[in-house]
Protein backbone atom coordinates (compact mmCIF):
# COMPACT_ATOMS: atom_id res chain seq x y z
CA MET A 1 42.30 67.83 -18.94
CA ASN A 2 40.01 70.58 -20.11
CA ASP A 3 36.71 69.40 -18.61
CA LEU A 4 35.31 72.65 -17.27
CA PRO A 5 31.78 72.02 -18.60
CA GLY A 6 31.66 68.95 -16.35
CA TYR A 7 32.49 71.13 -13.39
CA ARG A 8 30.00 73.82 -14.35
CA TYR A 9 27.12 71.38 -14.53
CA LEU A 10 27.94 69.31 -11.46
CA ALA A 11 28.72 72.27 -9.23
CA VAL A 12 25.01 73.07 -9.15
CA GLY A 13 24.31 70.01 -7.04
CA VAL A 14 27.23 70.16 -4.62
CA ILE A 15 26.16 69.95 -0.98
CA VAL A 16 27.70 72.49 1.35
CA PHE A 17 27.23 73.45 4.99
CA MET A 18 25.54 76.83 5.13
CA GLY A 19 27.12 79.08 7.74
CA SER A 20 26.88 82.69 8.78
CA LYS A 21 30.56 83.39 9.44
CA SER A 22 32.75 85.24 7.00
CA CYS A 23 36.03 83.93 5.61
CA PRO A 24 38.04 87.14 5.18
CA ALA A 25 41.49 85.54 5.01
CA PHE A 26 40.63 82.22 3.37
CA ASP A 27 41.20 81.52 -0.31
CA ILE A 28 42.19 78.66 -2.55
CA SER A 29 45.88 78.96 -1.61
CA ASP A 30 44.86 77.75 1.86
CA VAL A 31 43.65 74.41 0.43
CA THR A 32 46.58 71.99 0.41
CA ASP A 33 47.24 70.36 -2.95
CA PRO A 34 47.16 66.56 -2.98
CA PRO A 35 50.60 64.89 -2.88
CA ASP A 36 52.33 63.95 -6.14
CA ALA A 37 49.63 65.57 -8.25
CA GLU A 38 49.70 68.03 -11.13
CA VAL A 39 47.72 71.09 -10.03
CA THR A 40 47.01 74.15 -12.20
CA TYR A 41 45.31 77.36 -11.12
CA VAL A 42 42.37 78.04 -13.44
CA GLY A 43 41.42 81.47 -12.12
CA ASP A 44 38.48 83.34 -10.65
CA VAL A 45 35.01 82.72 -12.08
CA ILE A 46 31.45 83.58 -11.10
CA GLN A 47 29.34 80.46 -10.62
CA ASN A 48 25.58 81.15 -10.42
CA GLY A 49 26.36 84.68 -9.29
CA ILE A 50 28.87 83.64 -6.59
CA PRO A 51 32.62 84.38 -6.91
CA LEU A 52 34.68 81.19 -7.06
CA GLN A 53 38.39 80.32 -7.27
CA MET A 54 39.35 77.07 -8.98
CA LYS A 55 42.25 74.72 -9.67
CA GLN A 56 42.41 71.70 -11.95
CA LEU A 57 44.20 68.59 -10.75
CA ARG A 58 45.46 65.28 -12.08
CA ALA A 59 47.04 62.41 -10.15
CA ASP A 60 48.34 59.00 -11.24
CA TYR A 61 46.84 57.22 -8.22
CA PRO A 62 43.17 56.17 -7.74
CA VAL A 63 40.29 58.50 -6.91
CA GLN A 64 39.65 56.87 -3.53
CA GLU A 65 43.27 57.40 -2.50
CA LEU A 66 43.03 61.09 -3.31
CA LEU A 67 39.73 61.40 -1.45
CA ALA A 68 41.20 59.55 1.55
CA TYR A 69 43.95 62.18 1.75
CA TYR A 70 41.43 65.00 2.14
CA LYS A 71 39.12 63.03 4.43
CA GLN A 72 41.98 62.37 6.84
CA ARG A 73 43.33 65.91 6.61
CA TRP A 74 39.96 67.56 7.13
CA ALA A 75 39.08 65.22 10.00
CA ASP A 76 42.40 66.03 11.73
CA ILE A 77 41.85 69.81 11.62
CA HIS A 78 38.09 69.78 12.30
CA ASP A 79 37.00 71.59 15.48
CA HIS A 80 33.66 69.69 15.87
CA GLU A 81 31.84 72.98 16.45
CA ASP A 82 28.02 72.74 16.50
CA ASN A 83 28.25 68.98 15.84
CA VAL A 84 28.94 69.67 12.16
CA PRO A 85 30.79 66.79 10.45
CA PRO A 86 34.26 67.52 9.02
CA TYR A 87 33.04 67.05 5.42
CA MET A 88 30.19 65.78 3.28
CA GLU A 89 30.58 63.26 0.47
CA LYS A 90 28.40 62.41 -2.50
CA GLN A 91 28.66 60.74 -5.89
CA VAL A 92 27.03 62.15 -9.04
CA GLY A 93 27.54 59.91 -12.07
CA PRO A 94 31.31 59.38 -12.48
CA TRP A 95 32.15 62.26 -10.13
CA TRP A 96 33.02 62.03 -6.41
CA VAL A 97 32.55 65.22 -4.41
CA LEU A 98 33.85 66.21 -0.97
CA SER A 99 32.72 69.54 0.47
CA LYS A 100 33.16 71.45 3.70
CA MET A 101 32.76 74.97 5.05
CA GLU A 102 35.42 77.41 6.21
CA GLY A 103 33.31 80.19 7.71
CA ALA A 104 31.14 81.32 4.80
CA CYS A 105 33.46 79.73 2.21
CA SER A 106 32.51 76.48 0.54
CA VAL A 107 35.52 74.24 -0.22
CA VAL A 108 34.89 71.51 -2.81
CA ILE A 109 37.02 68.64 -4.12
CA GLN A 110 35.47 67.11 -7.25
CA VAL A 111 37.21 64.19 -8.98
CA LYS A 112 36.58 61.30 -11.36
CA GLU A 113 38.64 58.39 -12.66
CA THR A 114 40.87 58.81 -15.71
CA ASP A 115 41.13 56.21 -18.47
CA ALA A 116 44.45 55.14 -16.95
CA GLY A 117 42.94 54.60 -13.48
CA GLY A 118 44.18 57.85 -11.96
CA ALA A 119 42.19 60.85 -10.75
CA GLN A 120 41.32 64.16 -12.37
CA GLY A 121 39.09 67.01 -11.31
CA PHE A 122 38.91 70.32 -9.51
CA ILE A 123 39.50 72.12 -6.24
CA SER A 124 37.30 75.16 -5.68
CA VAL A 125 36.60 77.77 -3.02
CA SER A 126 33.51 79.98 -3.20
CA ASP A 127 32.66 82.79 -0.80
CA LEU A 128 28.91 82.50 -0.22
CA SER A 129 28.82 85.89 1.54
CA ARG A 130 29.87 87.74 -1.64
CA GLU A 131 27.08 86.93 -4.07
CA LYS A 132 27.28 89.29 -7.05
CA GLY A 133 24.32 88.16 -9.10
CA VAL A 134 24.46 87.14 -12.74
CA SER A 135 25.34 89.48 -15.60
CA ALA A 136 22.92 91.01 -18.09
CA LEU A 137 24.29 88.62 -20.74
CA VAL A 138 23.09 85.67 -18.64
CA GLU A 139 19.74 87.27 -17.85
CA GLU A 140 19.03 88.24 -21.46
CA PHE A 141 20.15 85.07 -23.23
CA PRO A 142 17.08 83.69 -25.07
CA ARG A 143 15.52 80.50 -23.77
CA PRO A 144 12.59 78.43 -25.06
CA GLU A 145 9.35 78.45 -23.12
CA SER A 146 9.14 75.98 -20.22
CA SER A 147 12.93 76.07 -19.85
CA GLN A 148 15.01 76.49 -16.70
CA LEU A 149 18.47 77.97 -16.23
CA VAL A 150 20.37 75.32 -14.26
CA SER A 151 23.83 76.87 -14.13
CA SER A 152 25.77 79.93 -15.27
CA THR A 153 29.55 80.36 -15.17
CA GLU A 154 31.33 83.60 -16.08
CA SER A 155 35.09 84.01 -16.46
CA ASN A 156 37.57 86.52 -17.84
CA ASP A 157 40.85 85.14 -19.21
CA ASN A 158 43.21 87.86 -20.46
CA GLY A 159 40.33 89.97 -21.69
CA LYS A 160 38.35 87.07 -23.20
CA TYR A 161 35.02 87.10 -21.37
CA THR A 162 33.23 83.74 -21.45
CA VAL A 163 29.79 82.68 -20.23
CA THR A 164 28.70 79.04 -20.09
CA LEU A 165 25.03 78.25 -19.50
CA VAL A 166 23.30 74.96 -18.74
CA ILE A 167 19.58 75.02 -19.53
CA THR A 168 16.91 72.31 -19.42
CA SER A 169 13.65 72.38 -21.34
CA ASP A 170 10.55 70.28 -21.98
CA VAL A 171 10.73 70.92 -25.73
CA SER A 172 12.33 68.32 -28.00
CA VAL A 173 15.92 68.67 -29.21
CA GLU A 174 14.76 69.62 -32.71
CA GLN A 175 12.18 72.10 -31.38
CA GLY A 176 14.89 73.72 -29.26
CA ALA A 177 17.25 73.87 -32.23
CA ASP A 178 14.54 75.45 -34.42
CA TYR A 179 13.95 78.04 -31.69
CA TYR A 180 17.59 79.17 -31.83
CA ARG A 181 17.74 78.98 -35.63
CA HIS A 182 15.02 81.64 -35.71
CA GLU A 183 15.67 83.60 -32.51
CA MET A 184 19.42 84.20 -32.78
CA PRO A 185 19.33 85.89 -36.24
CA ASP A 186 16.60 88.20 -34.92
CA LEU A 187 19.11 89.27 -32.24
CA GLY A 188 21.84 90.02 -34.78
CA TRP A 189 23.67 86.66 -34.75
CA ARG A 190 24.78 85.01 -38.01
CA ILE A 191 24.62 81.22 -38.14
CA ARG A 192 27.97 79.76 -39.18
CA ARG A 193 27.40 76.01 -38.78
CA ASP A 194 24.46 73.70 -38.13
CA ASP A 195 25.42 70.09 -37.37
CA SER A 196 22.97 67.34 -36.43
CA THR A 197 23.21 63.68 -35.39
CA GLN A 198 20.59 61.26 -34.12
CA GLU A 199 21.33 62.31 -30.55
CA ALA A 200 22.30 65.99 -30.68
CA VAL A 201 22.34 69.29 -32.54
CA MET A 202 25.31 71.71 -32.57
CA LEU A 203 24.76 75.32 -33.63
CA TYR A 204 27.48 77.95 -34.13
CA PHE A 205 26.70 81.67 -34.29
CA ALA A 206 28.79 84.83 -34.56
CA LYS A 207 28.42 88.59 -34.54
CA SER A 208 30.84 91.49 -34.11
CA GLY A 209 33.33 90.52 -31.41
CA GLN A 210 31.27 87.57 -30.15
CA GLN A 211 30.87 83.85 -30.74
CA CYS A 212 28.19 81.48 -29.48
CA GLU A 213 28.11 77.68 -29.52
CA ILE A 214 24.89 75.87 -28.57
CA ALA A 215 24.66 72.09 -28.05
CA LEU A 216 21.32 70.38 -27.50
CA SER A 217 20.79 66.73 -26.55
CA ARG A 218 18.29 64.52 -24.72
CA SER A 219 18.93 63.86 -21.03
CA GLU A 220 18.32 60.56 -19.23
CA ASN A 221 15.05 61.86 -17.74
CA GLY A 222 13.68 62.78 -21.17
CA ASN A 223 14.20 66.54 -21.01
CA THR A 224 16.35 68.45 -23.45
CA ILE A 225 19.62 69.72 -21.99
CA LEU A 226 21.30 72.69 -23.60
CA PHE A 227 24.87 73.93 -23.22
CA ALA A 228 25.52 77.47 -24.48
CA ASN A 229 29.03 78.89 -24.61
CA LEU A 230 29.30 82.63 -25.35
CA MET A 231 32.63 84.38 -25.87
CA GLU A 232 33.51 88.06 -26.20
CA LEU A 233 36.88 88.31 -27.93
CA PRO A 234 39.30 91.12 -27.05
CA GLY A 235 40.07 93.51 -29.90
CA ASP A 236 37.61 91.82 -32.28
CA GLY A 237 34.98 93.72 -34.11
């Protein structure tokens, strides 16, 4: 169930209740796991400059049953302060999202249906009072003109530092691919693979201790959407 790119893109649009309180003692261990579900701790990441803890989950029962569990639980413990509802709900494509605030912490349940009719997705907690800002690697990654950085996610797994970027641009898929074919070698990257289909282009680059994968495709609104995955490998180079 490795669908982290889905999380990284969708998390940009999650609705939360903005509050001014802190959440000094609240973390993801305080979010009850759904019953009879397989839940795995992913780790700590930085999403758009904000620290975030995340779990992956999978359940054999339907999405709406899993959502009903959290709706009931959150409604039961809600204090109705300032007339704020116990949670907010939205649907983005195949994903269903529940979110609520615990002080300055945003708690998000994000799930979609599996092929077998069950549920899979993520539980996350982000502390909005602890914004760190994005790294230099995110800031300096080359982007075509008229492009916009939609999302950045940074993680460190046993010394393997990974950055995933979601970028949109008005240039065509092929124009965007040509931009990286020329720009990345100028920055010291060697192109290892260049794969194209009618719908997308996949580019693979490498340099000492680092790898970069770039996927470009056309979005439903006609823009080009670009996923870039950069990895710094421990002990390499």
